[in-house]
Amino acid sequence: MAQEGTSESVGYTAGSDQVTDECCRDGREAFQWDTREDCEVRQILDRVADKWSLLVIALLAERTLRFGELGREIDGISTRMLTVTLRNLERDGLIDRRVYPEIPPRVEYRLTDLGRTLLGTIQALVGWTEKHQVQIARARQSFDNAATASQLI
């Protein structure tokens, strides 16, 4: 229990009056991460779990693609969002951008070795989603029906 005036927020270490300086080092299980914005684990999860990043990584698993090809393959992504996503994935070392000195310039994207290490995790997530999509659809329908019924009261 925190003393009066102290915090039991995520960074608070029980039995101590100090907040840990290092993100995610406060004695919690390894499967949890810090909710502070400056936590690198949170930032990395935000990036790789983003819907556009997942789609880009999954598409680049199969082959090297050009910007326009990626844009055509990803339904609903804007040019700006694709640019931002690719830039961030490149910054994180997950994809490689190669520019060929041609006219017009040709730019290709491919997964790095680090990016390839995500493929098993992404495939597992997609597999889980496919396996449970009917259950989730039923749960959503039940929830929506209950919400509609409660509004009628």
C-alpha atoms as a PDB file:
ATOM      1  CA  MET A   1       0.000   0.000   0.000  1.00  0.00           C
ATOM      2  CA  ALA A   2       1.317   3.414  -0.932  1.00  0.00           C
ATOM      3  CA  GLN A   3       1.994   6.040   1.665  1.00  0.00           C
ATOM      4  CA  GLU A   4      -0.168   9.117   1.535  1.00  0.00           C
ATOM      5  CA  GLY A   5       1.037  11.312  -1.303  1.00  0.00           C
ATOM      6  CA  THR A   6       2.834   8.513  -3.146  1.00  0.00           C
ATOM      7  CA  SER A   7       1.668   6.703  -6.202  1.00  0.00           C
ATOM      8  CA  GLU A   8       0.879   3.083  -6.862  1.00  0.00           C
ATOM      9  CA  SER A   9       1.116   3.703 -10.584  1.00  0.00           C
ATOM     10  CA  VAL A  10       2.814   1.231 -12.853  1.00  0.00           C
ATOM     11  CA  GLY A  11       6.276   2.582 -12.062  1.00  0.00           C
ATOM     12  CA  TYR A  12       5.789   2.317  -8.278  1.00  0.00           C
ATOM     13  CA  THR A  13       7.766  -0.445  -6.589  1.00  0.00           C
ATOM     14  CA  ALA A  14       5.999  -2.011  -3.613  1.00  0.00           C
ATOM     15  CA  GLY A  15       7.988  -1.755  -0.396  1.00  0.00           C
ATOM     16  CA  SER A  16       9.993   1.156  -1.715  1.00  0.00           C
ATOM     17  CA  ASP A  17       9.539   4.895  -1.714  1.00  0.00           C
ATOM     18  CA  GLN A  18      11.162   5.168  -5.132  1.00  0.00           C
ATOM     19  CA  VAL A  19       9.784   4.984  -8.616  1.00  0.00           C
ATOM     20  CA  THR A  20      12.036   2.889 -10.813  1.00  0.00           C
ATOM     21  CA  ASP A  21      14.083   4.809 -13.328  1.00  0.00           C
ATOM     22  CA  GLU A  22      14.132   1.978 -15.812  1.00  0.00           C
ATOM     23  CA  CYS A  23      11.020   1.177 -17.761  1.00  0.00           C
ATOM     24  CA  CYS A  24       9.554  -2.243 -17.094  1.00  0.00           C
ATOM     25  CA  ARG A  25      11.937  -3.072 -14.235  1.00  0.00           C
ATOM     26  CA  ASP A  26       9.544  -2.789 -11.330  1.00  0.00           C
ATOM     27  CA  GLY A  27       9.184  -6.438 -10.395  1.00  0.00           C
ATOM     28  CA  ARG A  28       6.144  -7.254 -12.519  1.00  0.00           C
ATOM     29  CA  GLU A  29       5.857 -10.361 -14.626  1.00  0.00           C
ATOM     30  CA  ALA A  30       7.773 -10.358 -17.908  1.00  0.00           C
ATOM     31  CA  PHE A  31       4.521 -10.515 -19.867  1.00  0.00           C
ATOM     32  CA  GLN A  32       3.462  -7.053 -18.744  1.00  0.00           C
ATOM     33  CA  TRP A  33       4.828  -3.753 -19.886  1.00  0.00           C
ATOM     34  CA  ASP A  34       4.888  -0.232 -18.653  1.00  0.00           C
ATOM     35  CA  THR A  35       2.079   2.153 -19.578  1.00  0.00           C
ATOM     36  CA  ARG A  36       4.300   5.218 -19.538  1.00  0.00           C
ATOM     37  CA  GLU A  37       4.775   6.758 -22.964  1.00  0.00           C
ATOM     38  CA  ASP A  38       8.570   6.646 -22.668  1.00  0.00           C
ATOM     39  CA  CYS A  39       8.648   2.861 -22.219  1.00  0.00           C
ATOM     40  CA  GLU A  40      10.478   1.331 -25.177  1.00  0.00           C
ATOM     41  CA  VAL A  41       8.597  -1.965 -24.909  1.00  0.00           C
ATOM     42  CA  ARG A  42       5.318  -0.094 -25.194  1.00  0.00           C
ATOM     43  CA  GLN A  43       6.611   1.942 -28.130  1.00  0.00           C
ATOM     44  CA  ILE A  44       7.789  -1.167 -29.972  1.00  0.00           C
ATOM     45  CA  LEU A  45       4.510  -2.978 -29.310  1.00  0.00           C
ATOM     46  CA  ASP A  46       2.575   0.055 -30.518  1.00  0.00           C
ATOM     47  CA  ARG A  47       4.586  -0.049 -33.747  1.00  0.00           C
ATOM     48  CA  VAL A  48       4.547  -3.757 -34.574  1.00  0.00           C
ATOM     49  CA  ALA A  49       0.962  -4.311 -33.423  1.00  0.00           C
ATOM     50  CA  ASP A  50      -0.350  -1.432 -35.530  1.00  0.00           C
ATOM     51  CA  LYS A  51      -2.690  -2.740 -38.245  1.00  0.00           C
ATOM     52  CA  TRP A  52      -0.749  -1.140 -41.083  1.00  0.00           C
ATOM     53  CA  SER A  53       2.607  -2.415 -39.817  1.00  0.00           C
ATOM     54  CA  LEU A  54       1.236  -5.933 -39.476  1.00  0.00           C
ATOM     55  CA  LEU A  55      -0.017  -5.852 -43.059  1.00  0.00           C
ATOM     56  CA  VAL A  56       3.238  -4.442 -44.434  1.00  0.00           C
ATOM     57  CA  ILE A  57       5.321  -7.035 -42.583  1.00  0.00           C
ATOM     58  CA  ALA A  58       3.038  -9.856 -43.722  1.00  0.00           C
ATOM     59  CA  LEU A  59       3.217  -8.714 -47.361  1.00  0.00           C
ATOM     60  CA  LEU A  60       6.986  -8.312 -47.285  1.00  0.00           C
ATOM     61  CA  ALA A  61       7.319 -11.841 -45.905  1.00  0.00           C
ATOM     62  CA  GLU A  62       6.591 -13.165 -49.358  1.00  0.00           C
ATOM     63  CA  ARG A  63       8.728 -10.875 -51.509  1.00  0.00           C
ATOM     64  CA  THR A  64      10.336  -7.506 -52.030  1.00  0.00           C
ATOM     65  CA  LEU A  65       7.764  -4.902 -53.031  1.00  0.00           C
ATOM     66  CA  ARG A  66       7.741  -1.369 -54.392  1.00  0.00           C
ATOM     67  CA  PHE A  67       5.795   1.448 -52.754  1.00  0.00           C
ATOM     68  CA  GLY A  68       2.988   1.372 -55.325  1.00  0.00           C
ATOM     69  CA  GLU A  69       2.637  -2.404 -55.033  1.00  0.00           C
ATOM     70  CA  LEU A  70       2.292  -2.146 -51.261  1.00  0.00           C
ATOM     71  CA  GLY A  71      -0.298   0.599 -51.650  1.00  0.00           C
ATOM     72  CA  ARG A  72      -2.353  -1.520 -54.043  1.00  0.00           C
ATOM     73  CA  GLU A  73      -2.154  -4.589 -51.807  1.00  0.00           C
ATOM     74  CA  ILE A  74      -3.237  -2.810 -48.610  1.00  0.00           C
ATOM     75  CA  ASP A  75      -6.878  -1.862 -48.927  1.00  0.00           C
ATOM     76  CA  GLY A  76      -7.729   1.458 -47.305  1.00  0.00           C
ATOM     77  CA  ILE A  77      -4.236   2.771 -46.570  1.00  0.00           C
ATOM     78  CA  SER A  78      -3.508   6.337 -47.655  1.00  0.00           C
ATOM     79  CA  THR A  79      -0.265   7.302 -49.361  1.00  0.00           C
ATOM     80  CA  ARG A  80       0.702   9.345 -46.314  1.00  0.00           C
ATOM     81  CA  MET A  81      -0.032   6.502 -43.873  1.00  0.00           C
ATOM     82  CA  LEU A  82       1.947   4.031 -45.990  1.00  0.00           C
ATOM     83  CA  THR A  83       4.870   6.469 -46.090  1.00  0.00           C
ATOM     84  CA  VAL A  84       4.782   6.953 -42.310  1.00  0.00           C
ATOM     85  CA  THR A  85       4.456   3.220 -41.667  1.00  0.00           C
ATOM     86  CA  LEU A  86       7.363   2.330 -43.955  1.00  0.00           C
ATOM     87  CA  ARG A  87       9.555   5.058 -42.482  1.00  0.00           C
ATOM     88  CA  ASN A  88       8.863   3.889 -38.920  1.00  0.00           C
ATOM     89  CA  LEU A  89       9.474   0.227 -39.755  1.00  0.00           C
ATOM     90  CA  GLU A  90      12.729   1.195 -41.454  1.00  0.00           C
ATOM     91  CA  ARG A  91      13.736   3.290 -38.428  1.00  0.00           C
ATOM     92  CA  ASP A  92      13.103   0.298 -36.168  1.00  0.00           C
ATOM     93  CA  GLY A  93      15.292  -1.901 -38.364  1.00  0.00           C
ATOM     94  CA  LEU A  94      12.420  -4.158 -39.463  1.00  0.00           C
ATOM     95  CA  ILE A  95      12.471  -3.315 -43.161  1.00  0.00           C
ATOM     96  CA  ASP A  96      15.136  -2.241 -45.590  1.00  0.00           C
ATOM     97  CA  ARG A  97      14.553   0.467 -48.206  1.00  0.00           C
ATOM     98  CA  ARG A  98      16.647   0.225 -51.355  1.00  0.00           C
ATOM     99  CA  VAL A  99      16.760   3.050 -53.893  1.00  0.00           C
ATOM    100  CA  TYR A 100      18.017   2.271 -57.397  1.00  0.00           C
ATOM    101  CA  PRO A 101      19.620   5.152 -59.336  1.00  0.00           C
ATOM    102  CA  GLU A 102      17.312   4.953 -62.331  1.00  0.00           C
ATOM    103  CA  ILE A 103      14.988   7.395 -64.027  1.00  0.00           C
ATOM    104  CA  PRO A 104      12.423   7.360 -62.611  1.00  0.00           C
ATOM    105  CA  PRO A 105      13.963   6.165 -59.338  1.00  0.00           C
ATOM    106  CA  ARG A 106      12.952   2.671 -58.267  1.00  0.00           C
ATOM    107  CA  VAL A 107      12.475   2.101 -54.526  1.00  0.00           C
ATOM    108  CA  GLU A 108      11.968  -1.368 -53.076  1.00  0.00           C
ATOM    109  CA  TYR A 109      11.195  -2.570 -49.572  1.00  0.00           C
ATOM    110  CA  ARG A 110      12.075  -5.889 -47.987  1.00  0.00           C
ATOM    111  CA  LEU A 111      12.138  -7.375 -44.515  1.00  0.00           C
ATOM    112  CA  THR A 112      15.412  -7.365 -42.641  1.00  0.00           C
ATOM    113  CA  ASP A 113      16.561 -10.397 -40.690  1.00  0.00           C
ATOM    114  CA  LEU A 114      15.157  -8.709 -37.581  1.00  0.00           C
ATOM    115  CA  GLY A 115      11.827  -8.151 -39.334  1.00  0.00           C
ATOM    116  CA  ARG A 116      11.701 -11.830 -40.325  1.00  0.00           C
ATOM    117  CA  THR A 117      11.836 -12.804 -36.648  1.00  0.00           C
ATOM    118  CA  LEU A 118       8.313 -11.346 -36.311  1.00  0.00           C
ATOM    119  CA  LEU A 119       6.767 -13.615 -38.934  1.00  0.00           C
ATOM    120  CA  GLY A 120       6.017 -16.540 -36.615  1.00  0.00           C
ATOM    121  CA  THR A 121       4.335 -14.231 -34.123  1.00  0.00           C
ATOM    122  CA  ILE A 122       2.257 -12.531 -36.812  1.00  0.00           C
ATOM    123  CA  GLN A 123       1.260 -15.871 -38.333  1.00  0.00           C
ATOM    124  CA  ALA A 124       0.221 -17.118 -34.895  1.00  0.00           C
ATOM    125  CA  LEU A 125      -1.885 -13.995 -34.333  1.00  0.00           C
ATOM    126  CA  VAL A 126      -3.569 -14.335 -37.736  1.00  0.00           C
ATOM    127  CA  GLY A 127      -4.144 -18.047 -37.097  1.00  0.00           C
ATOM    128  CA  TRP A 128      -5.715 -17.307 -33.714  1.00  0.00           C
ATOM    129  CA  THR A 129      -7.945 -14.686 -35.313  1.00  0.00           C
ATOM    130  CA  GLU A 130      -9.091 -17.056 -38.054  1.00  0.00           C
ATOM    131  CA  LYS A 131      -9.732 -19.839 -35.536  1.00  0.00           C
ATOM    132  CA  HIS A 132     -11.820 -17.659 -33.217  1.00  0.00           C
ATOM    133  CA  GLN A 133     -13.520 -15.245 -35.626  1.00  0.00           C
ATOM    134  CA  VAL A 134     -16.917 -16.996 -35.350  1.00  0.00           C
ATOM    135  CA  GLN A 135     -16.809 -16.895 -31.540  1.00  0.00           C
ATOM    136  CA  ILE A 136     -15.847 -13.236 -31.598  1.00  0.00           C
ATOM    137  CA  ALA A 137     -18.629 -12.423 -34.070  1.00  0.00           C
ATOM    138  CA  ARG A 138     -21.136 -14.151 -31.755  1.00  0.00           C
ATOM    139  CA  ALA A 139     -19.819 -12.297 -28.706  1.00  0.00           C
ATOM    140  CA  ARG A 140     -20.070  -8.983 -30.549  1.00  0.00           C
ATOM    141  CA  GLN A 141     -23.621  -9.742 -31.623  1.00  0.00           C
ATOM    142  CA  SER A 142     -24.622 -10.672 -28.052  1.00  0.00           C
ATOM    143  CA  PHE A 143     -23.026  -7.509 -26.713  1.00  0.00           C
ATOM    144  CA  ASP A 144     -24.712  -5.332 -29.344  1.00  0.00           C
ATOM    145  CA  ASN A 145     -28.094  -6.995 -28.700  1.00  0.00           C
ATOM    146  CA  ALA A 146     -27.756  -6.419 -24.952  1.00  0.00           C
ATOM    147  CA  ALA A 147     -26.718  -2.788 -25.503  1.00  0.00           C
ATOM    148  CA  THR A 148     -29.702  -2.213 -27.800  1.00  0.00           C
ATOM    149  CA  ALA A 149     -32.071  -3.847 -25.281  1.00  0.00           C
ATOM    150  CA  SER A 150     -30.743  -1.701 -22.434  1.00  0.00           C
ATOM    151  CA  GLN A 151     -31.297   1.465 -24.507  1.00  0.00           C
ATOM    152  CA  LEU A 152     -34.954   0.515 -24.964  1.00  0.00           C
ATOM    153  CA  ILE A 153     -35.529   0.442 -21.230  1.00  0.00           C
END
